[in-house]
Structure formats: C-alpha cells, structure tokens
C-alpha cells in the first residue's frame, strides 16, 4: 500500500476544513495533541508522582503520638 502523496494530503486537509470549519481546528488539534501525550505517558509508565520538581517534596504522614489510655473498665491505676 503506497503512502499518500502531497495531493492526497491536501484533499484530506480540505475535507477536514469543510467538515469542522476554521474555528474548530485549533480545538481539534489541541485535544488530539493532549490525547497523544496521555497515550505516550501511559505507554512509558510515567506517573504524576514523577513529575514533581526537585524542590517539591511529598508531605510526610502525620505520626500519632502515644497517649495514656485508660483500661476498658474505665478505671485508671
């Protein structure tokens, strides 16, 4: 199957322009680009956690302090 040449690509672009109109083409390109980026990130295994800058640190979990609890009977010694 031969690859499409310049005339075929021009015809396809004219058809896309007629169908979507000149006002919708930037939105169409933007959503297509973001979809390709998400697909690429999912294939490479890139997570949002890896995108943190070097200066940003994850917050450490809060540690619970030991408290003097009374026994189940309610009496303390």
Protein backbone atom coordinates (compact mmCIF):
# COMPACT_ATOMS: atom_id res chain seq x y z
CA UNK A 1 0.00 0.00 0.00
CA UNK A 2 1.66 3.24 -1.11
CA UNK A 3 1.91 6.18 1.24
CA UNK A 4 -0.30 9.19 0.49
CA UNK A 5 1.40 11.90 -1.52
CA UNK A 6 1.04 15.67 -1.42
CA UNK A 7 -2.20 15.83 -3.49
CA UNK A 8 -3.92 13.23 -1.30
CA UNK A 9 -2.89 15.01 1.91
CA UNK A 10 -4.14 18.34 0.50
CA UNK A 11 -7.52 16.79 -0.36
CA UNK A 12 -7.81 15.29 3.13
CA UNK A 13 -6.99 18.67 4.74
CA UNK A 14 -9.62 20.44 2.60
CA UNK A 15 -12.24 17.86 3.58
CA UNK A 16 -11.35 18.25 7.29
CA UNK A 17 -11.57 22.05 6.93
CA UNK A 18 -15.01 21.81 5.30
CA UNK A 19 -16.34 19.37 7.91
CA UNK A 20 -15.05 21.05 11.06
CA UNK A 21 -14.67 24.67 9.97
CA UNK A 22 -11.78 27.03 10.63
CA UNK A 23 -12.94 27.92 14.17
CA UNK A 24 -12.88 24.33 15.44
CA UNK A 25 -9.50 23.32 14.02
CA UNK A 26 -7.39 24.72 16.92
CA UNK A 27 -9.58 22.92 19.47
CA UNK A 28 -9.39 19.73 17.44
CA UNK A 29 -5.59 19.94 17.24
CA UNK A 30 -5.28 20.73 20.95
CA UNK A 31 -7.41 17.77 22.02
CA UNK A 32 -5.62 15.46 19.59
CA UNK A 33 -2.25 16.58 20.96
CA UNK A 34 -3.27 16.12 24.60
CA UNK A 35 -4.64 12.67 23.80
CA UNK A 36 -1.38 11.67 22.15
CA UNK A 37 0.58 12.98 25.18
CA UNK A 38 -1.59 11.00 27.61
CA UNK A 39 -1.17 7.87 25.49
CA UNK A 40 2.60 8.33 25.35
CA UNK A 41 2.78 8.88 29.12
CA UNK A 42 0.72 5.75 29.82
CA UNK A 43 2.85 3.63 27.49
CA UNK A 44 6.12 4.80 29.04
CA UNK A 45 4.72 4.36 32.57
CA UNK A 46 5.17 7.99 33.53
CA UNK A 47 3.12 8.92 36.60
CA UNK A 48 2.14 12.27 38.06
CA UNK A 49 4.39 11.49 41.04
CA UNK A 50 7.44 11.51 38.80
CA UNK A 51 6.62 14.99 37.51
CA UNK A 52 7.31 16.66 40.87
CA UNK A 53 10.09 19.19 40.73
CA UNK A 54 13.31 18.54 42.62
CA UNK A 55 12.43 21.20 45.23
CA UNK A 56 8.96 19.82 45.86
CA UNK A 57 8.73 17.12 48.46
CA UNK A 58 5.83 14.91 49.30
CA UNK A 59 4.31 15.72 52.67
CA UNK A 60 5.31 13.26 55.34
CA UNK A 61 2.49 11.36 57.03
CA UNK A 62 1.49 12.66 60.43
CA UNK A 63 2.56 10.35 63.21
CA UNK A 64 0.13 9.71 66.03
CA UNK A 65 1.54 10.34 69.47
CA UNK A 66 1.20 7.72 72.17
CA UNK A 67 -1.48 8.65 74.63
CA UNK A 68 -2.14 7.26 78.07
CA UNK A 69 -5.40 5.44 77.56
CA UNK A 70 -7.48 4.10 80.41
CA UNK A 71 -8.25 0.38 80.51
CA UNK A 72 -11.52 -0.88 79.11
CA UNK A 73 -13.09 -0.94 82.59
CA UNK A 74 -12.73 2.83 82.85
CA UNK A 75 -10.55 2.75 85.97
CA UNK A 76 -7.04 4.10 85.92
CA UNK A 77 -4.35 2.94 88.33
